[in-house]
Protein backbone atom coordinates (compact mmCIF):
# COMPACT_ATOMS: atom_id res chain seq x y z
CA UNK A 1 -10.71 35.44 6.76
CA UNK A 2 -10.83 34.00 3.32
CA UNK A 3 -7.01 33.59 3.17
CA UNK A 4 -7.03 31.77 6.49
CA UNK A 5 -9.75 29.46 5.29
CA UNK A 6 -7.68 28.79 2.11
CA UNK A 7 -4.61 28.06 4.22
CA UNK A 8 -6.59 25.64 6.34
CA UNK A 9 -7.82 23.90 3.24
CA UNK A 10 -4.30 23.74 1.89
CA UNK A 11 -2.97 22.48 5.20
CA UNK A 12 -5.69 19.70 5.41
CA UNK A 13 -4.92 18.74 1.84
CA UNK A 14 -1.23 18.72 2.53
CA UNK A 15 -1.50 16.49 5.60
CA UNK A 16 -3.92 14.25 3.70
CA UNK A 17 -1.30 13.97 0.99
CA UNK A 18 1.46 13.15 3.56
CA UNK A 19 -0.84 10.44 5.03
CA UNK A 20 -1.50 9.15 1.52
CA UNK A 21 2.18 8.87 0.81
CA UNK A 22 2.69 6.97 4.07
CA UNK A 23 -0.22 4.62 3.24
CA UNK A 24 1.05 4.22 -0.29
CA UNK A 25 4.44 3.07 0.91
CA UNK A 26 2.90 0.71 3.40
CA UNK A 27 0.55 -0.59 0.68
CA UNK A 28 3.41 -1.16 -1.72
CA UNK A 29 5.41 -3.11 0.78
CA UNK A 30 2.41 -5.25 1.73
CA UNK A 31 1.71 -5.91 -1.98
CA UNK A 32 5.34 -7.05 -2.33
CA UNK A 33 5.10 -9.40 0.58
CA UNK A 34 1.72 -10.75 -0.71
CA UNK A 35 3.12 -11.50 -4.11
CA UNK A 36 6.18 -13.19 -2.47
CA UNK A 37 3.75 -15.19 -0.35
CA UNK A 38 1.76 -16.02 -3.47
CA UNK A 39 4.94 -17.42 -5.08
CA UNK A 40 5.51 -19.66 -2.07
CA UNK A 41 1.92 -20.96 -2.36
CA UNK A 42 2.39 -21.61 -6.06
CA UNK A 43 5.58 -23.60 -5.30
CA UNK A 44 3.76 -25.53 -2.63
CA UNK A 45 0.85 -26.29 -5.04
CA UNK A 46 3.20 -27.23 -7.79
CA UNK A 47 5.04 -29.56 -5.50
CA UNK A 48 1.83 -31.31 -4.43
CA UNK A 49 0.74 -31.66 -8.05
CA UNK A 50 4.01 -33.18 -9.16
CA UNK A 51 4.15 -35.38 -6.02
CA UNK A 52 1.33 -37.44 -7.51
């Protein structure tokens, strides 16, 4: 009974970890796209400023 409970805890933790890895990957790619987008915004802002 105890070992089964431990196994269930381990399994839950493992699936949680797998989910975390997936989210982490997704998060990393979204951060990359956001920073890229931020660069675009900065370029547009700089263009407006230099445009006078």
